[in-house]
Structures are given as C-alpha cells and as structure tokens.
Amino acid sequence: MLNKTYVFHTLGCKLNFAETSSVGKQLQQMGFRKAKAGEEAGVCIVNTCSVTETADRKDRQAIHKIRREHPHAVLIVTGCYAQLKPDEVAAIDGVDLVLGMNEKFDIPAFLEKYGQNEVAQVHCSPIRQSDEFHGACSKDDRTRFFLKVQDGCDYFCTYCTVPLARGKSRNGTIASLVAEAENAIAGGAKEIVLSGVNIGDFGKTTGESFFDLVKALDAIQADVRYRISSIEPNLLTDEIIDYVASSAHFAPHFHIPLQSGSNDVLQLMKRRYTREVFAAKVARIKAVMPHAFIGVDVIVGVRGETEDFFDDACRFIESLDISQLHVFTYSERPNTEMLKIPYAVPPQEKKRRSDVLHALSARKTEQFYAAHRGYEATVLWESKKTGSVMHGFTENYIRVEAPYQKELVNTFQKIRVS
C-alpha cells in the first residue's frame, strides 16, 4: 500500500512553483500529507527546469539527492526537462515515472494506477497540440503570491526551447483568474505577482487582452497590490503603462526582457523589437512613473555576438534609466535555430562579458537606491526573520529592513527610505 506522504523539489521559474503548489493541493485532496523533516516520503516529485544546460545538471543532481534521501519512494520527474528529454530522464537510476507538462496535472491519477516496474514509465504528450490551460497560484515564504495567468509561447526565438517545453500560448479566462485572486486575498495575500511564460500575449484562447485582465484585477476592492512579472517590450503598450501609473493597486515595477542591446544580435535572436522600441518603453515608464523600478533581462555570449556587438550593447544599456540587470550566460540548447549561426563565443569570454554586465547592474542598482533616499514609500513586511531584523519591499521594489515586529508581518506600512 502506498505511503501517503509526499515531498516536492521544484527548480526554475515561479511558474513551476505555482504549479507545484496546485499539484500539492490535489494530493492533499487524495488524503496525502507533506512529509515532515527527516521523514521518508512515499511519493517524491521533482518539478524540473531546462532553460540551460546548467539547469539540466541541477535537475539531475536534485533527482539523485532526493532518491538517496527517500530510497523507497515513488519518484516522479516532471516539468520542462521531462518534457524535452524524457528518455534521458527515464535512464536516470531510481526514476519511476516521467511525466510531461500536460501530465504534470494528472499526477494523482497516475499514482492511483501506478505499478512498480523495473523500467521507468514515460508519459509525455506532444505539448504543441495542447489547448489546455491549468491554473495555479502559490504562496512563497515572503507573503507574496504568484498567480499563473498564461502559459506557453508562440515566439520561437533562436536560442530558446521554452515553446517546445511549454507549448503554444494559452490562458485562463479573466473571470476565473479574478476568482483565483479573490481566493488568494481571502487567504491572506497582500501582494500578487502575475506570472506566465509570455503574459503580454494573454488572451489568445479567450479573445480577451492582458490590459483587460489588469483592469479587472485592479477593480477588486481589497488591500492588495499586484506586480507584473516579465513582459515583452513589444507587448507592453503605452496603454498598460499609463494605466499602471494611475492604478489603485498595481506597483510601479516592471520586468522587461531586452536580451541584447545590439540590434544586430536582436535580429540573430529573432526578437520582435529593436533597441529603439525598448528605449521608448523605458522612457515612457519614467515619464509617468519617475520612481518606477525597471528590471531587465540580458543574455551574453550567444552565437554571433562579436566583441563589437557586445561593446555596442553595453553602451546602449549604460544609457538606459533602469534599476537592475538579470544577466544570463548563453547555453546551447538542442533543436534551436541558433546552433546554425557561426561564431561561438569562447567560455572565458562569456564569463568576462557576464562580469561586465553584473558590474554595470550593480552600479545601476546603487544609483537607483541613492536617488530614493528620503523617498516616502509603502513597504510590505515579510515573515522571514534574520537575527533581530525583518525585511520587506516597497511598491517600487526597494528592499528595506527594520527591527523585527511580529505584528507587522504581512502588513503595509508607510516609511521613508533611508
């Protein structure tokens, strides 16, 4: 008889964490409970990421570790790595079930009919044919909730396997997502992050729009704030920017993937905008929200990125009024068009470029913080305690700290940034 305890190990994006939370709720409805620390679980689920080769390696390490810690459990591997490389995952010693992205949400059904086999069972449907959207909402350790509003991507950038792992763009209805948000708020949510693979593409399956969703969530009468997670610059309309500027609940905080500050490299990547478009979006945000935090994704070392292209990109990024860079080092992925592009950047040069951009990011963040000393803001205090200190984030994502006061956890407080 199956031991009805479980553990999860989730890697990668916040979308994975939200989906893990939903699967956990399904298991609890079947009578499962989360295993206690040090207790051997009956079921172990590893929800994987496969955005880079490093991610794949971390997946394998996590699978081996969880098998050592729970030698008698049913070990299920799901997520992007399982979807993209199911046979490779199945060949890992100790794996019992390999479930693709669609099958992830049927784990309880697979467990009900599961029988021990000597060979791992692989269940992985062709994700590109799926029209299903599985909603999810999770709470992290910092009082913040992540609401999945969209999944999949119809963009095939030359470096990216996400469309192969996640499938085509699809979304829930605005009505269902408003209901999810209201449930989260009833459960104590003070901050909700709208999450997805390509959230600006929201509406492909329902005929609605992301702007419609923003307005519907903003209309909820509650003491809550929202953040928009990563949104493509070509889908971040002036209409959305202007609305956020006057919104009752949306934070002046944007995360926008640039990927390269060189138009030549953007073309190699098959991105759907130019750096001039990106600069115009940043300028628009700052014109209507001078205190807005703008985080930017950048990839270094892609095929075809010459030293001149990189230097050009750096000069452009330096000119932007942004707050932080999220720097990723290019990792070659099977079945991507970028593998056809000549000139591979040497590993040591990739590291140098990454170091250059990390240093630039540190300067940008320091400048942003320095410019906001004395700024009056609203902080949401988090539950985590470090020594005698608690932390929180302002609406424009400035991290602040204060002496720990339990009664302030998950509450808003007006402060002056120092």
Foldseek 3Di string as FASTA:
>chain_A
DFFQEEDEAEDDDVVRVQLVVVLVVVSVVVVHYYDDVLDAHQEYEYAADPFFVVRVVVSLVVQVVNCVSRVNHQYEYEYQCCQVPVVVVQPRPPHAEREAPVCSNVVVVCVVPDDGDPTHHYDHDQQQPDQDDDWGKDADQFLEIETEFKEADPDAFQQGCRCRRTHHIYGDDLVVSLVVVVVSVVVQRQEYEYDYDALLPPCPNPVDGSLVSVVSNLPDPDNHAYEYEEHELVSCDLVNLLCLLVGPHYFLEYEYEPQFQFQVVCVNRVPDDHNVSVLVSQVSNCVSPVLAAYEYEYEPFQAPCDPVRLVNRVVSVLPGLHAAYDYHYRHHDPPGNSVVHDDGDDPVVSVVSSVVRRVSRVVSNVVSLVVQQQPKFKWAWTDDDDPQKTWTATSNGDIDIDGDDNVRHRHIDIDTHD
